[in-house]
């Protein structure tokens, strides 16, 4: 049975299934107690020496983990929202985390208080206001709103995203902000403040703005002020994973510490070197804010090397499954994080496809070739495995990303190490001008190359429609690629072709079904009203000529097109002072 070969993976999948089950059906507390009681009974059964129990023990384990998934997610989702806050309140708050800024506001995740009521919220501060820090409490008048779900199903549900973080309110500062020095900083806040101070030192360095923001993003996980053009270049070139702290960064930093320690330590102390290197990456993770992707990577590499320290053969699937289980036990909401899904799926892809792909690349008979071709094979395997989910969540893909990754990723280790050294030098106030100039020059060249890759508009495809059924079939294609690459024969080839044909048949059916529908929708973006009139596979968008067309395109038009599988669309200017629109005999007020 597969449970005997990969027990941890199957049990974690059962746990995850339980989380999804609870999230969909939202069982009440009484039912959860029944699930808990049933789980306790199963645990007791394992202590009984019974032949029947022994035969069905694998099934009982799967049921047990499924029930625990329901139980843990219930308590991770439970929160009360009965504060009854007014629209205008005087709030006192301290910041927990800085978030990405937009065109108008700097945004912070905060712990706020109104009278005796405490709550987590997002605070929006005008962009020209000075930076908030962890050293102060702040008091101000704020316009408080409760996060609401979007009007239509195709829009990103920001309220639900915040709710998974137990945040129900957003506050817009509409008055002067008063501050008072804190004397109760805990260790975590002191570390965050120190990180903030290093970020501010980087801001005052002699590098170009784009180089500074790149450095802050690639090492200190701060992309809050990165300009939209640079971010767009990374997205369109398929290299956004390079900018964000991920498993690659943690592995490189671990390898750097390990290499340096091994150079100055006896061979017999290898185990201690591994332990110290692991401690270093955890210190690094704590320092840069303990972000989700960083924690995932640290747990995965720690579990892997624990196998090494225990002198057991490292198993990538076991390490990944145990890491996922630890993360989800702490916070079941992590399973809904796109980064979580993509990172673990990438690891699965590397496990499943790396070696078969590597066989088709030139022979790796020296260190340089092994480095280059292993990097290429790993990149291809990870991209193939994550591609269906990338289509599903982001509805875009750039063919140039394949070549961009081949060109950039092999040099990523050197860039990460150089960036780490630069951050350390700036943090220690060591001013080596020639190193700053050299780093700035290299990053400027890198950004220009990435901008060049991003400029291939003909190879960039957006508004790609894909639903979960199509995702499942594409995952099946990826799964069948391994036997095909291992042994290219008619059977394996026909299996892949059959699934690909099945995918296109399903896709055509969904397209036909969607294109039979006509609808009129009224959308709101801030104070702007957008009317969409869909007739089969065509749609007209009527917008105010003074409206922010780029933002409306990004947040309304593009999501609608991919959701409704639109082939043709047109944007028209709405007549001024329009108050009503009529469609198929029905009148709709524009408000």
Foldseek 3Di string as FASTA:
>chain_A
DVCVVQVLLLLLVLLLLLLVVCVVPVDDPVVLVVLVVVLVVLVVVVVDPDPVCVVCVSVSSSSNSSSVSNNLNNVLLDDDDDPPDDQKAKKKWAFDAWAAADPFWTKTWIFIDGPPDIAIEIETEGPVDDDGARFKIKIAIWGKDFQDAFPDDLFDGVCVVVSSVVYGMYTYGDGDMDIDGDPDDDPLRVLQRLLVVLLVLLVVDPFDPQLSLQLCQQQLVDNRHHDPLLVLLCVLLVNVVLRHDALVLLVLQLVVQLVVVPVVDDPVCSLVSNVVSLVVLVVSCSNSNVDPRSLLNSQLVVLQVVCVSVVHHRDNSSSNSVSSVVVCSVRVSCVVPLSSVLRSQLSVLCVQFLVLVLVVDDDDPDDVSCLLSSQLSSVVSSCLRCVLVCCAPFVKDFPSNSVVSSPPVSCSSVLSVLSVVVSVCSSVVNDDPVSSVVSSVVVVVVSVVSNVSSPPVVRMDGLAADDPVLSVLSNVLSNLVRVCSVPPDPVSVVVNVVSVVVSVVVVVVLLQVLLCDWDWDWGDDPPWIWIWTHHRQEIEIETAPPDPVVVCCVRPVSSVCSHSVHDYYYYHYDPPPDQWDDDPRDIDGRD
